[in-house]
Amino acid sequence: MTKLIGLSGSLRQASYNAALLRSASGLMPEGADLVVETIRGIPLYDGDVEAAEGIPERVAALKDAIAAADGLLLVTPEYNNSIPGVFKNAIDWLSRPAADIPRVFGGKPVAVIGASPGGFGTILSQNAWLPVLRTLGADLWSGGRLMVSRAQSVFSQDGSLADQRIEEQLRTYLQGFVAYADAMRKRSSAS
């Protein structure tokens, strides 16, 4: 069984990206599981806090979950044409201490999708993640892209995916990413 961890980069309860992540968990291919995690409860990164108190419990638990998973799905909003600060903050904490980066992110298959009320989806936010993921040594899956634009017309009031075309694109995207993560898992267990 291929196990993925999914993170939405928005804390808003009615977030389109949280809705997209929930939809993804229901569209996983057979033999794969997507565990929806949250960045809620992660404090603002402060090196003095890290030095005095260590890694917060919420961060340590999330690091362990990501390290144990076969892949990571980042579902990113786009704020001011880039990465939301709260999401980047979470990744910054997850990369601490630096000695843990290989355990948490090193060679980890990562995919990035997102939803936005604007007409361009989350193309700029997704592109802004590229140098961050490269720096962390993650294995960015680039076999597909999913940028949901005009998200207010794609989701119903209850947050469920209401657009069949987007649902099929998401299903196809997940199949590709799961196949990639599964292949990487098999390759690393064979070596």
C-alpha atoms as a PDB file:
ATOM      1  CA  MET A   1       0.000   0.000   0.000  1.00  0.00           C
ATOM      2  CA  THR A   2       1.309   3.409  -0.995  1.00  0.00           C
ATOM      3  CA  LYS A   3       0.794   5.998   1.735  1.00  0.00           C
ATOM      4  CA  LEU A   4       0.802   9.722   1.045  1.00  0.00           C
ATOM      5  CA  ILE A   5       0.558  12.656   3.428  1.00  0.00           C
ATOM      6  CA  GLY A   6      -1.482  15.629   2.217  1.00  0.00           C
ATOM      7  CA  LEU A   7      -1.148  19.192   3.513  1.00  0.00           C
ATOM      8  CA  SER A   8      -3.290  22.206   2.675  1.00  0.00           C
ATOM      9  CA  GLY A   9      -1.521  25.536   2.906  1.00  0.00           C
ATOM     10  CA  SER A  10      -4.565  27.403   4.145  1.00  0.00           C
ATOM     11  CA  LEU A  11      -5.921  27.672   7.673  1.00  0.00           C
ATOM     12  CA  ARG A  12      -9.288  29.032   6.518  1.00  0.00           C
ATOM     13  CA  GLN A  13     -12.102  26.642   7.333  1.00  0.00           C
ATOM     14  CA  ALA A  14     -13.873  27.123   3.995  1.00  0.00           C
ATOM     15  CA  SER A  15     -10.584  26.936   2.067  1.00  0.00           C
ATOM     16  CA  TYR A  16     -10.784  25.781  -1.545  1.00  0.00           C
ATOM     17  CA  ASN A  17      -7.422  24.093  -1.059  1.00  0.00           C
ATOM     18  CA  ALA A  18      -8.599  22.147   1.978  1.00  0.00           C
ATOM     19  CA  ALA A  19     -11.645  21.132  -0.092  1.00  0.00           C
ATOM     20  CA  LEU A  20      -9.366  20.041  -2.941  1.00  0.00           C
ATOM     21  CA  LEU A  21      -7.297  17.979  -0.504  1.00  0.00           C
ATOM     22  CA  ARG A  22     -10.412  16.320   0.944  1.00  0.00           C
ATOM     23  CA  SER A  23     -11.565  15.537  -2.596  1.00  0.00           C
ATOM     24  CA  ALA A  24      -8.171  14.033  -3.375  1.00  0.00           C
ATOM     25  CA  SER A  25      -8.402  11.713  -0.372  1.00  0.00           C
ATOM     26  CA  GLY A  26     -11.651  10.319  -1.783  1.00  0.00           C
ATOM     27  CA  LEU A  27     -10.256   9.826  -5.291  1.00  0.00           C
ATOM     28  CA  MET A  28      -7.133   7.851  -4.470  1.00  0.00           C
ATOM     29  CA  PRO A  29      -6.399   4.857  -6.688  1.00  0.00           C
ATOM     30  CA  GLU A  30      -6.820   1.380  -5.286  1.00  0.00           C
ATOM     31  CA  GLY A  31      -3.874   0.357  -3.121  1.00  0.00           C
ATOM     32  CA  ALA A  32      -3.102   3.908  -2.058  1.00  0.00           C
ATOM     33  CA  ASP A  33      -4.064   6.001   0.935  1.00  0.00           C
ATOM     34  CA  LEU A  34      -3.905   9.763   1.422  1.00  0.00           C
ATOM     35  CA  VAL A  35      -3.725  10.852   5.054  1.00  0.00           C
ATOM     36  CA  VAL A  36      -4.897  14.446   5.420  1.00  0.00           C
ATOM     37  CA  GLU A  37      -2.695  16.280   7.911  1.00  0.00           C
ATOM     38  CA  THR A  38      -2.807  19.918   8.980  1.00  0.00           C
ATOM     39  CA  ILE A  39      -0.425  22.779   9.552  1.00  0.00           C
ATOM     40  CA  ARG A  40      -2.791  24.180  12.186  1.00  0.00           C
ATOM     41  CA  GLY A  41      -1.035  24.569  15.527  1.00  0.00           C
ATOM     42  CA  ILE A  42       2.430  25.191  14.093  1.00  0.00           C
ATOM     43  CA  PRO A  43       3.782  28.413  15.652  1.00  0.00           C
ATOM     44  CA  LEU A  44       5.697  31.102  13.795  1.00  0.00           C
ATOM     45  CA  TYR A  45       9.276  29.957  13.341  1.00  0.00           C
ATOM     46  CA  ASP A  46      11.644  31.576  15.832  1.00  0.00           C
ATOM     47  CA  GLY A  47      15.220  30.328  16.161  1.00  0.00           C
ATOM     48  CA  ASP A  48      15.308  31.481  19.780  1.00  0.00           C
ATOM     49  CA  VAL A  49      12.262  29.345  20.580  1.00  0.00           C
ATOM     50  CA  GLU A  50      13.862  26.386  18.813  1.00  0.00           C
ATOM     51  CA  ALA A  51      17.095  26.859  20.799  1.00  0.00           C
ATOM     52  CA  ALA A  52      15.310  27.262  24.134  1.00  0.00           C
ATOM     53  CA  GLU A  53      12.440  24.788  23.780  1.00  0.00           C
ATOM     54  CA  GLY A  54      13.339  22.517  20.874  1.00  0.00           C
ATOM     55  CA  ILE A  55      10.988  21.380  18.141  1.00  0.00           C
ATOM     56  CA  PRO A  56       7.290  21.880  18.979  1.00  0.00           C
ATOM     57  CA  GLU A  57       5.357  18.661  19.516  1.00  0.00           C
ATOM     58  CA  ARG A  58       3.031  19.311  16.543  1.00  0.00           C
ATOM     59  CA  VAL A  59       6.027  19.825  14.237  1.00  0.00           C
ATOM     60  CA  ALA A  60       7.805  16.674  15.475  1.00  0.00           C
ATOM     61  CA  ALA A  61       4.676  14.554  14.912  1.00  0.00           C
ATOM     62  CA  LEU A  62       4.186  15.927  11.398  1.00  0.00           C
ATOM     63  CA  LYS A  63       7.873  15.376  10.556  1.00  0.00           C
ATOM     64  CA  ASP A  64       7.574  11.738  11.628  1.00  0.00           C
ATOM     65  CA  ALA A  65       4.404  11.268   9.565  1.00  0.00           C
ATOM     66  CA  ILE A  66       6.032  12.720   6.438  1.00  0.00           C
ATOM     67  CA  ALA A  67       9.230  10.707   6.948  1.00  0.00           C
ATOM     68  CA  ALA A  68       7.199   7.474   7.214  1.00  0.00           C
ATOM     69  CA  ALA A  69       5.077   8.220   4.129  1.00  0.00           C
ATOM     70  CA  ASP A  70       5.854   7.278   0.539  1.00  0.00           C
ATOM     71  CA  GLY A  71       5.081  10.762  -0.738  1.00  0.00           C
ATOM     72  CA  LEU A  72       3.856  14.247   0.128  1.00  0.00           C
ATOM     73  CA  LEU A  73       1.055  16.168  -1.593  1.00  0.00           C
ATOM     74  CA  LEU A  74       1.179  19.932  -1.056  1.00  0.00           C
ATOM     75  CA  VAL A  75      -2.086  21.729  -1.837  1.00  0.00           C
ATOM     76  CA  THR A  76      -1.141  25.364  -2.081  1.00  0.00           C
ATOM     77  CA  PRO A  77      -3.148  28.545  -2.240  1.00  0.00           C
ATOM     78  CA  GLU A  78      -1.627  31.546  -3.973  1.00  0.00           C
ATOM     79  CA  TYR A  79      -1.315  34.730  -1.944  1.00  0.00           C
ATOM     80  CA  ASN A  80       0.065  37.819  -3.685  1.00  0.00           C
ATOM     81  CA  ASN A  81       1.410  35.681  -6.545  1.00  0.00           C
ATOM     82  CA  SER A  82       3.424  33.399  -4.272  1.00  0.00           C
ATOM     83  CA  ILE A  83       3.519  30.885  -1.418  1.00  0.00           C
ATOM     84  CA  PRO A  84       1.275  31.610   1.577  1.00  0.00           C
ATOM     85  CA  GLY A  85       3.410  32.646   4.551  1.00  0.00           C
ATOM     86  CA  VAL A  86       1.716  30.192   6.903  1.00  0.00           C
ATOM     87  CA  PHE A  87       2.526  27.278   4.566  1.00  0.00           C
ATOM     88  CA  LYS A  88       6.148  28.312   4.073  1.00  0.00           C
ATOM     89  CA  ASN A  89       6.451  28.763   7.847  1.00  0.00           C
ATOM     90  CA  ALA A  90       5.284  25.171   8.364  1.00  0.00           C
ATOM     91  CA  ILE A  91       7.852  23.848   5.888  1.00  0.00           C
ATOM     92  CA  ASP A  92      10.544  25.962   7.562  1.00  0.00           C
ATOM     93  CA  TRP A  93       9.739  24.328  10.914  1.00  0.00           C
ATOM     94  CA  LEU A  94       9.617  20.873   9.284  1.00  0.00           C
ATOM     95  CA  SER A  95      13.171  21.439   8.035  1.00  0.00           C
ATOM     96  CA  ARG A  96      14.525  22.029  11.560  1.00  0.00           C
ATOM     97  CA  PRO A  97      17.029  21.017  12.700  1.00  0.00           C
ATOM     98  CA  ALA A  98      18.804  20.991   9.357  1.00  0.00           C
ATOM     99  CA  ALA A  99      20.179  17.510  10.109  1.00  0.00           C
ATOM    100  CA  ASP A 100      16.595  16.192   9.804  1.00  0.00           C
ATOM    101  CA  ILE A 101      16.077  17.441   6.246  1.00  0.00           C
ATOM    102  CA  PRO A 102      17.317  14.191   4.613  1.00  0.00           C
ATOM    103  CA  ARG A 103      15.048  12.085   6.855  1.00  0.00           C
ATOM    104  CA  VAL A 104      11.931  14.172   6.221  1.00  0.00           C
ATOM    105  CA  PHE A 105      12.379  15.470   2.656  1.00  0.00           C
ATOM    106  CA  GLY A 106      15.444  13.827   1.110  1.00  0.00           C
ATOM    107  CA  GLY A 107      14.387  11.982  -2.023  1.00  0.00           C
ATOM    108  CA  LYS A 108      10.732  12.131  -0.905  1.00  0.00           C
ATOM    109  CA  PRO A 109       8.337  12.239  -3.861  1.00  0.00           C
ATOM    110  CA  VAL A 110       6.421  15.522  -3.610  1.00  0.00           C
ATOM    111  CA  ALA A 111       3.603  16.822  -5.787  1.00  0.00           C
ATOM    112  CA  VAL A 112       2.057  20.305  -5.744  1.00  0.00           C
ATOM    113  CA  ILE A 113      -1.496  21.237  -6.720  1.00  0.00           C
ATOM    114  CA  GLY A 114      -3.730  24.147  -5.807  1.00  0.00           C
ATOM    115  CA  ALA A 115      -6.988  26.025  -6.223  1.00  0.00           C
ATOM    116  CA  SER A 116      -7.639  29.735  -6.553  1.00  0.00           C
ATOM    117  CA  PRO A 117     -10.617  31.990  -7.241  1.00  0.00           C
ATOM    118  CA  GLY A 118      -8.505  33.717  -9.920  1.00  0.00           C
ATOM    119  CA  GLY A 119      -8.185  32.783 -13.560  1.00  0.00           C
ATOM    120  CA  PHE A 120      -4.631  31.404 -13.439  1.00  0.00           C
ATOM    121  CA  GLY A 121      -5.090  28.784 -10.745  1.00  0.00           C
ATOM    122  CA  THR A 122      -2.015  28.659  -8.556  1.00  0.00           C
ATOM    123  CA  ILE A 123       0.678  28.646 -11.232  1.00  0.00           C
ATOM    124  CA  LEU A 124       2.854  31.289  -9.541  1.00  0.00           C
ATOM    125  CA  SER A 125       2.608  29.690  -6.111  1.00  0.00           C
ATOM    126  CA  GLN A 126       3.412  26.265  -7.549  1.00  0.00           C
ATOM    127  CA  ASN A 127       6.412  27.699  -9.371  1.00  0.00           C
ATOM    128  CA  ALA A 128       7.565  29.454  -6.170  1.00  0.00           C
ATOM    129  CA  TRP A 129       7.681  26.070  -4.410  1.00  0.00           C
ATOM    130  CA  LEU A 130      10.249  24.691  -6.884  1.00  0.00           C
ATOM    131  CA  PRO A 131      13.425  26.233  -5.356  1.00  0.00           C
ATOM    132  CA  VAL A 132      12.208  25.428  -1.834  1.00  0.00           C
ATOM    133  CA  LEU A 133      11.642  21.758  -2.667  1.00  0.00           C
ATOM    134  CA  ARG A 134      14.936  21.567  -4.568  1.00  0.00           C
ATOM    135  CA  THR A 135      16.785  23.025  -1.576  1.00  0.00           C
ATOM    136  CA  LEU A 136      15.224  20.401   0.700  1.00  0.00           C
ATOM    137  CA  GLY A 137      16.309  17.584  -1.632  1.00  0.00           C
ATOM    138  CA  ALA A 138      12.730  16.495  -2.301  1.00  0.00           C
ATOM    139  CA  ASP A 139      11.965  14.553  -5.469  1.00  0.00           C
ATOM    140  CA  LEU A 140       9.441  16.793  -7.221  1.00  0.00           C
ATOM    141  CA  TRP A 141       7.047  14.813  -9.401  1.00  0.00           C
ATOM    142  CA  SER A 142       6.620  16.757 -12.612  1.00  0.00           C
ATOM    143  CA  GLY A 143       4.514  14.257 -14.542  1.00  0.00           C
ATOM    144  CA  GLY A 144       1.458  16.485 -14.406  1.00  0.00           C
ATOM    145  CA  ARG A 145       0.085  19.795 -13.217  1.00  0.00           C
ATOM    146  CA  LEU A 146      -3.204  20.680 -11.609  1.00  0.00           C
ATOM    147  CA  MET A 147      -4.107  24.325 -11.126  1.00  0.00           C
ATOM    148  CA  VAL A 148      -7.778  24.792 -10.373  1.00  0.00           C
ATOM    149  CA  SER A 149      -8.903  28.257 -11.415  1.00  0.00           C
ATOM    150  CA  ARG A 150     -12.205  29.931 -10.580  1.00  0.00           C
ATOM    151  CA  ALA A 151     -12.524  27.606  -7.611  1.00  0.00           C
ATOM    152  CA  GLN A 152     -15.771  29.226  -6.438  1.00  0.00           C
ATOM    153  CA  SER A 153     -17.470  27.579  -9.441  1.00  0.00           C
ATOM    154  CA  VAL A 154     -15.760  24.187  -8.943  1.00  0.00           C
ATOM    155  CA  PHE A 155     -16.847  23.440  -5.363  1.00  0.00           C
ATOM    156  CA  SER A 156     -20.355  23.320  -3.960  1.00  0.00           C
ATOM    157  CA  GLN A 157     -21.388  25.120  -0.764  1.00  0.00           C
ATOM    158  CA  ASP A 158     -20.466  22.093   1.373  1.00  0.00           C
ATOM    159  CA  GLY A 159     -16.938  22.051  -0.086  1.00  0.00           C
ATOM    160  CA  SER A 160     -17.417  18.987  -2.266  1.00  0.00           C
ATOM    161  CA  LEU A 161     -16.043  18.924  -5.791  1.00  0.00           C
ATOM    162  CA  ALA A 162     -18.900  19.747  -8.177  1.00  0.00           C
ATOM    163  CA  ASP A 163     -17.052  19.922 -11.495  1.00  0.00           C
ATOM    164  CA  GLN A 164     -16.731  16.528 -13.238  1.00  0.00           C
ATOM    165  CA  ARG A 165     -13.922  17.720 -15.498  1.00  0.00           C
ATOM    166  CA  ILE A 166     -11.802  18.839 -12.532  1.00  0.00           C
ATOM    167  CA  GLU A 167     -12.654  15.628 -10.677  1.00  0.00           C
ATOM    168  CA  GLU A 168     -11.350  13.571 -13.601  1.00  0.00           C
ATOM    169  CA  GLN A 169      -8.201  15.727 -13.855  1.00  0.00           C
ATOM    170  CA  LEU A 170      -7.588  15.249 -10.125  1.00  0.00           C
ATOM    171  CA  ARG A 171      -8.136  11.487 -10.371  1.00  0.00           C
ATOM    172  CA  THR A 172      -5.678  11.242 -13.292  1.00  0.00           C
ATOM    173  CA  TYR A 173      -3.143  13.432 -11.480  1.00  0.00           C
ATOM    174  CA  LEU A 174      -3.329  11.261  -8.362  1.00  0.00           C
ATOM    175  CA  GLN A 175      -2.928   8.064 -10.382  1.00  0.00           C
ATOM    176  CA  GLY A 176       0.250   9.444 -11.920  1.00  0.00           C
ATOM    177  CA  PHE A 177       1.693  10.660  -8.631  1.00  0.00           C
ATOM    178  CA  VAL A 178       0.852   7.432  -6.789  1.00  0.00           C
ATOM    179  CA  ALA A 179       2.466   5.368  -9.556  1.00  0.00           C
ATOM    180  CA  TYR A 180       5.592   7.517  -9.291  1.00  0.00           C
ATOM    181  CA  ALA A 181       5.741   7.354  -5.474  1.00  0.00           C
ATOM    182  CA  ASP A 182       5.160   3.601  -5.590  1.00  0.00           C
ATOM    183  CA  ALA A 183       7.968   3.140  -8.136  1.00  0.00           C
ATOM    184  CA  MET A 184      10.334   5.230  -5.967  1.00  0.00           C
ATOM    185  CA  ARG A 185       9.397   3.198  -2.864  1.00  0.00           C
ATOM    186  CA  LYS A 186      10.073  -0.085  -4.668  1.00  0.00           C
ATOM    187  CA  ARG A 187      13.345   1.237  -6.056  1.00  0.00           C
ATOM    188  CA  SER A 188      14.580   2.360  -2.630  1.00  0.00           C
ATOM    189  CA  SER A 189      13.571  -0.900  -0.930  1.00  0.00           C
ATOM    190  CA  ALA A 190      15.422  -2.879  -3.621  1.00  0.00           C
ATOM    191  CA  SER A 191      18.683  -1.002  -3.003  1.00  0.00           C
END
